[in-house]
Each structure stands twice: as structure tokens, then as C-alpha cells.
N, C-alpha and C. Protein backbone atom coordinates (compact mmCIF):
# COMPACT_ATOMS: atom_id res chain seq x y z
N UNK A 1 19.62 0.20 -22.71
CA UNK A 1 18.36 -0.45 -22.43
C UNK A 1 18.38 -1.90 -22.89
N UNK A 2 19.19 -2.18 -23.92
CA UNK A 2 19.27 -3.55 -24.42
C UNK A 2 19.80 -4.49 -23.35
N UNK A 3 20.82 -4.06 -22.63
CA UNK A 3 21.37 -4.91 -21.56
C UNK A 3 20.33 -5.17 -20.48
N UNK A 4 19.56 -4.12 -20.12
CA UNK A 4 18.52 -4.31 -19.12
C UNK A 4 17.49 -5.32 -19.61
N UNK A 5 17.05 -5.16 -20.84
CA UNK A 5 16.04 -6.07 -21.40
C UNK A 5 16.52 -7.51 -21.42
N UNK A 6 17.77 -7.70 -21.82
CA UNK A 6 18.31 -9.06 -21.84
C UNK A 6 18.43 -9.63 -20.43
N UNK A 7 18.88 -8.81 -19.49
CA UNK A 7 19.00 -9.26 -18.09
C UNK A 7 17.65 -9.59 -17.50
N UNK A 8 16.68 -8.74 -17.76
CA UNK A 8 15.32 -8.94 -17.24
C UNK A 8 14.74 -10.23 -17.80
N UNK A 9 14.92 -10.47 -19.09
CA UNK A 9 14.42 -11.70 -19.71
C UNK A 9 15.11 -12.92 -19.10
N UNK A 10 16.41 -12.84 -18.90
CA UNK A 10 17.15 -13.96 -18.30
C UNK A 10 16.68 -14.24 -16.88
N UNK A 11 16.44 -13.18 -16.10
CA UNK A 11 15.95 -13.37 -14.73
C UNK A 11 14.57 -14.03 -14.74
N UNK A 12 13.67 -13.50 -15.55
CA UNK A 12 12.32 -14.06 -15.62
C UNK A 12 12.33 -15.52 -16.07
N UNK A 13 13.18 -15.84 -17.01
CA UNK A 13 13.29 -17.22 -17.50
C UNK A 13 13.82 -18.13 -16.40
N UNK A 14 14.87 -17.70 -15.72
CA UNK A 14 15.46 -18.52 -14.65
C UNK A 14 14.45 -18.77 -13.54
N UNK A 15 13.72 -17.74 -13.15
CA UNK A 15 12.74 -17.88 -12.06
C UNK A 15 11.57 -18.76 -12.50
N UNK A 16 11.12 -18.59 -13.73
CA UNK A 16 9.97 -19.36 -14.23
C UNK A 16 10.29 -20.85 -14.31
N UNK A 17 11.55 -21.18 -14.53
CA UNK A 17 11.94 -22.59 -14.68
C UNK A 17 12.19 -23.29 -13.35
N UNK A 18 12.20 -22.56 -12.24
CA UNK A 18 12.45 -23.18 -10.94
C UNK A 18 11.22 -23.93 -10.45
N UNK A 19 11.42 -25.15 -9.96
CA UNK A 19 10.31 -25.84 -9.30
C UNK A 19 9.94 -25.09 -8.01
N UNK A 20 8.69 -25.14 -7.63
CA UNK A 20 8.22 -24.41 -6.44
C UNK A 20 9.06 -24.68 -5.20
N UNK A 21 9.47 -25.92 -5.01
CA UNK A 21 10.22 -26.27 -3.79
C UNK A 21 11.59 -25.60 -3.74
N UNK A 22 12.14 -25.22 -4.88
CA UNK A 22 13.45 -24.57 -4.91
C UNK A 22 13.42 -23.17 -4.29
N UNK A 23 12.26 -22.53 -4.28
CA UNK A 23 12.17 -21.18 -3.72
C UNK A 23 12.41 -21.17 -2.21
N UNK A 24 12.27 -22.32 -1.55
CA UNK A 24 12.49 -22.42 -0.11
C UNK A 24 13.93 -22.82 0.22
N UNK A 25 14.78 -22.99 -0.80
CA UNK A 25 16.17 -23.39 -0.60
C UNK A 25 17.05 -22.16 -0.34
N UNK A 26 18.18 -22.35 0.34
CA UNK A 26 19.12 -21.23 0.52
C UNK A 26 19.65 -20.77 -0.84
N UNK A 27 19.87 -19.48 -0.94
CA UNK A 27 20.48 -18.93 -2.17
C UNK A 27 21.98 -18.81 -1.93
N UNK A 28 22.69 -18.21 -2.85
CA UNK A 28 24.11 -17.98 -2.68
C UNK A 28 24.40 -16.81 -1.75
N UNK A 29 23.36 -16.11 -1.31
CA UNK A 29 23.51 -14.96 -0.40
C UNK A 29 23.19 -15.42 1.02
N UNK A 30 24.14 -15.30 1.90
CA UNK A 30 24.00 -15.77 3.28
C UNK A 30 22.73 -15.23 3.93
N UNK A 31 21.91 -16.14 4.44
CA UNK A 31 20.70 -15.77 5.15
C UNK A 31 19.49 -15.52 4.26
N UNK A 32 19.64 -15.64 2.95
CA UNK A 32 18.55 -15.39 2.01
C UNK A 32 18.14 -16.69 1.34
N UNK A 33 16.85 -16.91 1.27
CA UNK A 33 16.33 -18.02 0.48
C UNK A 33 16.25 -17.59 -0.98
N UNK A 34 16.07 -18.55 -1.86
CA UNK A 34 15.94 -18.23 -3.28
C UNK A 34 14.79 -17.25 -3.50
N UNK A 35 13.66 -17.45 -2.81
CA UNK A 35 12.52 -16.54 -2.99
C UNK A 35 12.86 -15.11 -2.54
N UNK A 36 13.66 -14.96 -1.48
CA UNK A 36 14.07 -13.64 -1.02
C UNK A 36 14.90 -12.94 -2.10
N UNK A 37 15.84 -13.68 -2.66
CA UNK A 37 16.72 -13.11 -3.67
C UNK A 37 15.94 -12.76 -4.94
N UNK A 38 15.05 -13.64 -5.37
CA UNK A 38 14.25 -13.38 -6.57
C UNK A 38 13.38 -12.14 -6.38
N UNK A 39 12.75 -12.01 -5.23
CA UNK A 39 11.92 -10.83 -4.95
C UNK A 39 12.77 -9.56 -4.93
N UNK A 40 13.94 -9.64 -4.33
CA UNK A 40 14.84 -8.49 -4.26
C UNK A 40 15.24 -8.04 -5.67
N UNK A 41 15.57 -8.98 -6.52
CA UNK A 41 15.98 -8.64 -7.89
C UNK A 41 14.82 -8.04 -8.68
N UNK A 42 13.62 -8.56 -8.51
CA UNK A 42 12.46 -8.02 -9.21
C UNK A 42 12.16 -6.60 -8.75
N UNK A 43 12.19 -6.37 -7.44
CA UNK A 43 11.93 -5.02 -6.91
C UNK A 43 13.00 -4.04 -7.40
N UNK A 44 14.26 -4.47 -7.42
CA UNK A 44 15.33 -3.59 -7.93
C UNK A 44 15.12 -3.26 -9.41
N UNK A 45 14.69 -4.25 -10.19
CA UNK A 45 14.42 -4.00 -11.61
C UNK A 45 13.28 -3.00 -11.77
N UNK A 46 12.26 -3.11 -10.94
CA UNK A 46 11.16 -2.15 -10.99
C UNK A 46 11.65 -0.76 -10.63
N UNK A 47 12.53 -0.66 -9.66
CA UNK A 47 13.11 0.64 -9.28
C UNK A 47 13.87 1.26 -10.44
N UNK A 48 14.61 0.44 -11.18
CA UNK A 48 15.35 0.94 -12.35
C UNK A 48 14.37 1.51 -13.37
N UNK A 49 13.30 0.79 -13.65
CA UNK A 49 12.32 1.26 -14.63
C UNK A 49 11.65 2.55 -14.18
N UNK A 50 11.32 2.64 -12.92
CA UNK A 50 10.72 3.87 -12.39
C UNK A 50 11.69 5.03 -12.52
N UNK A 51 12.94 4.78 -12.20
CA UNK A 51 13.96 5.84 -12.30
C UNK A 51 14.12 6.31 -13.73
N UNK A 52 14.07 5.39 -14.68
CA UNK A 52 14.26 5.75 -16.08
C UNK A 52 13.14 6.64 -16.63
N UNK A 53 11.95 6.51 -16.06
CA UNK A 53 10.82 7.30 -16.60
C UNK A 53 10.43 8.46 -15.71
N UNK A 54 11.18 8.69 -14.64
CA UNK A 54 10.87 9.80 -13.74
C UNK A 54 11.58 11.06 -14.22
N UNK A 55 10.80 12.08 -14.59
CA UNK A 55 11.43 13.31 -15.08
C UNK A 55 12.21 14.01 -13.96
N UNK A 56 13.32 14.61 -14.35
CA UNK A 56 14.12 15.36 -13.39
C UNK A 56 14.77 16.52 -14.13
N UNK A 57 14.87 17.65 -13.44
CA UNK A 57 15.49 18.84 -14.01
C UNK A 57 17.01 18.81 -13.86
N UNK A 58 17.47 18.16 -12.82
CA UNK A 58 18.91 18.14 -12.51
C UNK A 58 19.64 17.15 -13.41
N UNK A 59 20.95 17.34 -13.47
CA UNK A 59 21.80 16.40 -14.19
C UNK A 59 21.75 15.04 -13.50
N UNK A 60 21.85 13.94 -14.24
CA UNK A 60 21.86 12.62 -13.60
C UNK A 60 23.08 12.47 -12.70
N UNK A 61 22.94 11.68 -11.67
CA UNK A 61 24.06 11.41 -10.76
C UNK A 61 24.57 10.02 -10.98
């Protein structure tokens, strides 16, 4: 969980420091703007948190 917390903090810090106009710039991912990539990373982080707190009877995969 420590690695997730550190990564999440780093992502939030990086995004918070971007000027608004940078969100409309191309990212390092072909066809994605910076805002697309930032949203994708935030949604994925939310999915991780949901997965961590979702009870399951089966062994983890």
C-alpha cells in the first residue's frame, strides 16, 4: 500500500502543478492529450482502491 500511496501522491502533485493549457497538449501516448492520460490514470487508481476493498471468497488472481 505504501507504493500505491507514494505513486498516488506523485500523480496528484504532477497534475496539480500543470498549467491549464498543458492539459490540451499531446502526451507521450500516441493520440492522447495530457488530460486524457491524467483522467485514465485517476480512473485506474480508483479501480485499484475499489478492488482492494471489495470482499471476495475466492483466492486472489
